[in-house]
Amino acid sequence: MSQELKDIRYAMETQYRYKLYQTTDFPFLHSIGIKHIIQGFADKDGPMGFIGMLHLWYENKSGEPSYQTKTTHFLNGNWKSEWFDTALEGLELTMKLENEKPYTLPERLIPKHLWDKEVQNSKDLADKHIKRKLEKEMEGILWN
């Protein structure tokens, strides 16, 4: 990885964390079960292309609860980070995390068996799309 990409990732992570920390719900994310945040970054029109996927996760090794009062703001634990070089790595982590939960929280609680069915349907559609694309590309190839 080039130093330029490292610098860009550091700047993107810093900006993203700053915006996240400014939200009113941030101090409570871990207490409502949001312990992983995954965000992709890309330079659509520029030379960098795909910058990477940022994974932030909450870790509290001491087990002490966090709390906030009028005079005290105590957050125990911290948000750690890692970068993925490909979107596929980030997607694999996302699917792994979703499969470990007994439910999902997109807009409302969805029973796991229904979510699994939706995921399988999405995989099937993606497989069909890739198969059609490969067949189209292979039409012009002469095989001996």
C-alpha atoms as a PDB file:
ATOM      1  CA  MET A   1       0.000   0.000   0.000  1.00  0.00           C
ATOM      2  CA  SER A   2       1.360   3.395  -0.964  1.00  0.00           C
ATOM      3  CA  GLN A   3       1.994   6.165   1.541  1.00  0.00           C
ATOM      4  CA  GLU A   4      -0.492   8.333  -0.366  1.00  0.00           C
ATOM      5  CA  LEU A   5      -3.263   5.769   0.172  1.00  0.00           C
ATOM      6  CA  LYS A   6      -2.357   5.479   3.873  1.00  0.00           C
ATOM      7  CA  ASP A   7      -2.586   9.260   4.235  1.00  0.00           C
ATOM      8  CA  ILE A   8      -5.933   9.397   2.422  1.00  0.00           C
ATOM      9  CA  ARG A   9      -7.330   6.588   4.589  1.00  0.00           C
ATOM     10  CA  TYR A  10      -6.132   8.324   7.751  1.00  0.00           C
ATOM     11  CA  ALA A  11      -7.818  11.567   6.654  1.00  0.00           C
ATOM     12  CA  MET A  12     -11.050   9.776   5.676  1.00  0.00           C
ATOM     13  CA  GLU A  13     -11.181   7.880   8.978  1.00  0.00           C
ATOM     14  CA  THR A  14     -10.513  11.047  10.972  1.00  0.00           C
ATOM     15  CA  GLN A  15     -13.273  12.945   9.167  1.00  0.00           C
ATOM     16  CA  TYR A  16     -15.703  10.041   9.460  1.00  0.00           C
ATOM     17  CA  ARG A  17     -15.037   9.615  13.186  1.00  0.00           C
ATOM     18  CA  TYR A  18     -15.425  13.358  13.748  1.00  0.00           C
ATOM     19  CA  LYS A  19     -18.829  13.384  12.009  1.00  0.00           C
ATOM     20  CA  LEU A  20     -19.866  10.234  13.911  1.00  0.00           C
ATOM     21  CA  TYR A  21     -18.801  11.670  17.278  1.00  0.00           C
ATOM     22  CA  GLN A  22     -20.887  14.797  16.621  1.00  0.00           C
ATOM     23  CA  THR A  23     -24.165  12.858  16.354  1.00  0.00           C
ATOM     24  CA  THR A  24     -26.408  12.891  19.407  1.00  0.00           C
ATOM     25  CA  ASP A  25     -26.854   9.126  19.386  1.00  0.00           C
ATOM     26  CA  PHE A  26     -23.143   8.254  19.229  1.00  0.00           C
ATOM     27  CA  PRO A  27     -22.572   7.784  22.987  1.00  0.00           C
ATOM     28  CA  PHE A  28     -25.429   5.283  23.057  1.00  0.00           C
ATOM     29  CA  LEU A  29     -24.703   3.173  19.962  1.00  0.00           C
ATOM     30  CA  HIS A  30     -22.968   0.364  21.827  1.00  0.00           C
ATOM     31  CA  SER A  31     -25.677   0.234  24.490  1.00  0.00           C
ATOM     32  CA  ILE A  32     -28.397  -0.355  21.866  1.00  0.00           C
ATOM     33  CA  GLY A  33     -26.387  -3.140  20.244  1.00  0.00           C
ATOM     34  CA  ILE A  34     -24.593  -1.281  17.453  1.00  0.00           C
ATOM     35  CA  LYS A  35     -21.022  -2.419  17.963  1.00  0.00           C
ATOM     36  CA  HIS A  36     -19.840  -2.560  14.347  1.00  0.00           C
ATOM     37  CA  ILE A  37     -19.916   0.170  11.710  1.00  0.00           C
ATOM     38  CA  ILE A  38     -18.725  -0.554   8.180  1.00  0.00           C
ATOM     39  CA  GLN A  39     -18.372   2.224   5.609  1.00  0.00           C
ATOM     40  CA  GLY A  40     -16.914   2.135   2.104  1.00  0.00           C
ATOM     41  CA  PHE A  41     -14.978   5.013   0.527  1.00  0.00           C
ATOM     42  CA  ALA A  42     -14.259   5.617  -3.155  1.00  0.00           C
ATOM     43  CA  ASP A  43     -12.965   8.379  -5.376  1.00  0.00           C
ATOM     44  CA  LYS A  44     -15.538   7.951  -8.146  1.00  0.00           C
ATOM     45  CA  ASP A  45     -14.249  10.545 -10.589  1.00  0.00           C
ATOM     46  CA  GLY A  46     -10.613  10.643  -9.524  1.00  0.00           C
ATOM     47  CA  PRO A  47      -7.540   8.497 -10.045  1.00  0.00           C
ATOM     48  CA  MET A  48      -7.754   6.675  -6.696  1.00  0.00           C
ATOM     49  CA  GLY A  49     -10.882   4.650  -7.468  1.00  0.00           C
ATOM     50  CA  PHE A  50     -11.778   2.411  -4.521  1.00  0.00           C
ATOM     51  CA  ILE A  51     -10.078   3.701  -1.354  1.00  0.00           C
ATOM     52  CA  GLY A  52     -11.211   0.939   0.980  1.00  0.00           C
ATOM     53  CA  MET A  53     -13.782  -0.122   3.540  1.00  0.00           C
ATOM     54  CA  LEU A  54     -13.490   1.146   7.089  1.00  0.00           C
ATOM     55  CA  HIS A  55     -14.594  -1.150   9.900  1.00  0.00           C
ATOM     56  CA  LEU A  56     -15.129   0.449  13.317  1.00  0.00           C
ATOM     57  CA  TRP A  57     -15.999  -1.766  16.270  1.00  0.00           C
ATOM     58  CA  TYR A  58     -16.653  -1.051  19.921  1.00  0.00           C
ATOM     59  CA  GLU A  59     -14.514  -2.809  22.480  1.00  0.00           C
ATOM     60  CA  ASN A  60     -14.909  -2.620  26.252  1.00  0.00           C
ATOM     61  CA  LYS A  61     -12.434  -4.955  27.939  1.00  0.00           C
ATOM     62  CA  SER A  62     -13.065  -3.786  31.503  1.00  0.00           C
ATOM     63  CA  GLY A  63     -16.797  -4.509  31.478  1.00  0.00           C
ATOM     64  CA  GLU A  64     -17.576  -1.227  33.248  1.00  0.00           C
ATOM     65  CA  PRO A  65     -20.724   0.449  31.891  1.00  0.00           C
ATOM     66  CA  SER A  66     -20.598   3.832  30.200  1.00  0.00           C
ATOM     67  CA  TYR A  67     -22.832   6.605  31.464  1.00  0.00           C
ATOM     68  CA  GLN A  68     -23.645  10.255  30.991  1.00  0.00           C
ATOM     69  CA  THR A  69     -25.093  12.784  33.428  1.00  0.00           C
ATOM     70  CA  LYS A  70     -25.379  16.569  33.365  1.00  0.00           C
ATOM     71  CA  THR A  71     -21.900  16.931  34.841  1.00  0.00           C
ATOM     72  CA  THR A  72     -20.182  13.706  33.838  1.00  0.00           C
ATOM     73  CA  HIS A  73     -19.613  12.035  30.499  1.00  0.00           C
ATOM     74  CA  PHE A  74     -17.922   8.673  31.034  1.00  0.00           C
ATOM     75  CA  LEU A  75     -17.357   6.380  28.064  1.00  0.00           C
ATOM     76  CA  ASN A  76     -15.666   3.163  29.016  1.00  0.00           C
ATOM     77  CA  GLY A  77     -14.265   1.288  26.047  1.00  0.00           C
ATOM     78  CA  ASN A  78     -13.303   2.628  22.670  1.00  0.00           C
ATOM     79  CA  TRP A  79     -13.918   2.289  18.967  1.00  0.00           C
ATOM     80  CA  LYS A  80     -11.129   0.435  17.157  1.00  0.00           C
ATOM     81  CA  SER A  81     -10.644   0.400  13.404  1.00  0.00           C
ATOM     82  CA  GLU A  82      -9.313  -1.554  10.464  1.00  0.00           C
ATOM     83  CA  TRP A  83      -9.348  -1.039   6.701  1.00  0.00           C
ATOM     84  CA  PHE A  84     -10.226  -3.577   4.028  1.00  0.00           C
ATOM     85  CA  ASP A  85      -8.581  -3.300   0.627  1.00  0.00           C
ATOM     86  CA  THR A  86     -11.514  -4.767  -1.291  1.00  0.00           C
ATOM     87  CA  ALA A  87     -15.256  -4.386  -1.008  1.00  0.00           C
ATOM     88  CA  LEU A  88     -15.548  -8.175  -0.960  1.00  0.00           C
ATOM     89  CA  GLU A  89     -13.628  -8.383   2.330  1.00  0.00           C
ATOM     90  CA  GLY A  90     -15.972  -5.837   3.885  1.00  0.00           C
ATOM     91  CA  LEU A  91     -19.020  -7.645   2.525  1.00  0.00           C
ATOM     92  CA  GLU A  92     -17.767 -10.967   3.930  1.00  0.00           C
ATOM     93  CA  LEU A  93     -17.372  -9.391   7.373  1.00  0.00           C
ATOM     94  CA  THR A  94     -20.826  -7.840   7.126  1.00  0.00           C
ATOM     95  CA  MET A  95     -22.382 -11.187   6.253  1.00  0.00           C
ATOM     96  CA  LYS A  96     -20.460 -12.921   9.055  1.00  0.00           C
ATOM     97  CA  LEU A  97     -21.669 -10.358  11.606  1.00  0.00           C
ATOM     98  CA  GLU A  98     -25.255 -10.618  10.344  1.00  0.00           C
ATOM     99  CA  ASN A  99     -25.170 -14.415  10.523  1.00  0.00           C
ATOM    100  CA  GLU A 100     -24.013 -14.276  14.154  1.00  0.00           C
ATOM    101  CA  LYS A 101     -27.104 -12.295  15.189  1.00  0.00           C
ATOM    102  CA  PRO A 102     -30.463 -13.952  15.834  1.00  0.00           C
ATOM    103  CA  TYR A 103     -32.174 -10.933  14.197  1.00  0.00           C
ATOM    104  CA  THR A 104     -31.418  -7.911  11.997  1.00  0.00           C
ATOM    105  CA  LEU A 105     -32.286  -4.262  12.452  1.00  0.00           C
ATOM    106  CA  PRO A 106     -32.702  -2.563   9.088  1.00  0.00           C
ATOM    107  CA  GLU A 107     -35.936  -0.678   9.860  1.00  0.00           C
ATOM    108  CA  ARG A 108     -37.582  -3.176  12.163  1.00  0.00           C
ATOM    109  CA  LEU A 109     -36.849  -6.588  13.582  1.00  0.00           C
ATOM    110  CA  ILE A 110     -36.822  -9.233  10.878  1.00  0.00           C
ATOM    111  CA  PRO A 111     -36.762 -12.894  11.930  1.00  0.00           C
ATOM    112  CA  LYS A 112     -33.497 -14.546  10.957  1.00  0.00           C
ATOM    113  CA  HIS A 113     -35.075 -17.160   8.670  1.00  0.00           C
ATOM    114  CA  LEU A 114     -36.685 -14.412   6.551  1.00  0.00           C
ATOM    115  CA  TRP A 115     -33.436 -12.459   6.411  1.00  0.00           C
ATOM    116  CA  ASP A 116     -31.542 -15.610   5.343  1.00  0.00           C
ATOM    117  CA  LYS A 117     -34.083 -16.114   2.546  1.00  0.00           C
ATOM    118  CA  GLU A 118     -33.527 -12.528   1.321  1.00  0.00           C
ATOM    119  CA  VAL A 119     -29.747 -12.962   1.450  1.00  0.00           C
ATOM    120  CA  GLN A 120     -30.007 -16.203  -0.555  1.00  0.00           C
ATOM    121  CA  ASN A 121     -32.236 -14.503  -3.139  1.00  0.00           C
ATOM    122  CA  SER A 122     -29.671 -11.705  -3.467  1.00  0.00           C
ATOM    123  CA  LYS A 123     -26.856 -14.236  -3.905  1.00  0.00           C
ATOM    124  CA  ASP A 124     -28.856 -16.088  -6.574  1.00  0.00           C
ATOM    125  CA  LEU A 125     -29.481 -12.849  -8.485  1.00  0.00           C
ATOM    126  CA  ALA A 126     -25.792 -11.929  -8.266  1.00  0.00           C
ATOM    127  CA  ASP A 127     -24.780 -15.408  -9.498  1.00  0.00           C
ATOM    128  CA  LYS A 128     -27.152 -15.154 -12.481  1.00  0.00           C
ATOM    129  CA  HIS A 129     -25.800 -11.703 -13.346  1.00  0.00           C
ATOM    130  CA  ILE A 130     -22.187 -12.887 -13.199  1.00  0.00           C
ATOM    131  CA  LYS A 131     -23.000 -15.995 -15.255  1.00  0.00           C
ATOM    132  CA  ARG A 132     -24.683 -13.901 -17.976  1.00  0.00           C
ATOM    133  CA  LYS A 133     -21.769 -11.477 -18.020  1.00  0.00           C
ATOM    134  CA  LEU A 134     -19.235 -14.308 -18.365  1.00  0.00           C
ATOM    135  CA  GLU A 135     -21.259 -15.968 -21.129  1.00  0.00           C
ATOM    136  CA  LYS A 136     -21.416 -12.668 -22.994  1.00  0.00           C
ATOM    137  CA  GLU A 137     -17.650 -12.157 -22.680  1.00  0.00           C
ATOM    138  CA  MET A 138     -16.912 -15.719 -23.778  1.00  0.00           C
ATOM    139  CA  GLU A 139     -18.984 -15.453 -26.969  1.00  0.00           C
ATOM    140  CA  GLY A 140     -16.140 -13.726 -28.794  1.00  0.00           C
ATOM    141  CA  ILE A 141     -13.447 -16.198 -27.673  1.00  0.00           C
ATOM    142  CA  LEU A 142     -12.409 -19.000 -30.020  1.00  0.00           C
ATOM    143  CA  TRP A 143     -11.601 -22.215 -28.194  1.00  0.00           C
ATOM    144  CA  ASN A 144      -9.289 -24.799 -29.768  1.00  0.00           C
END
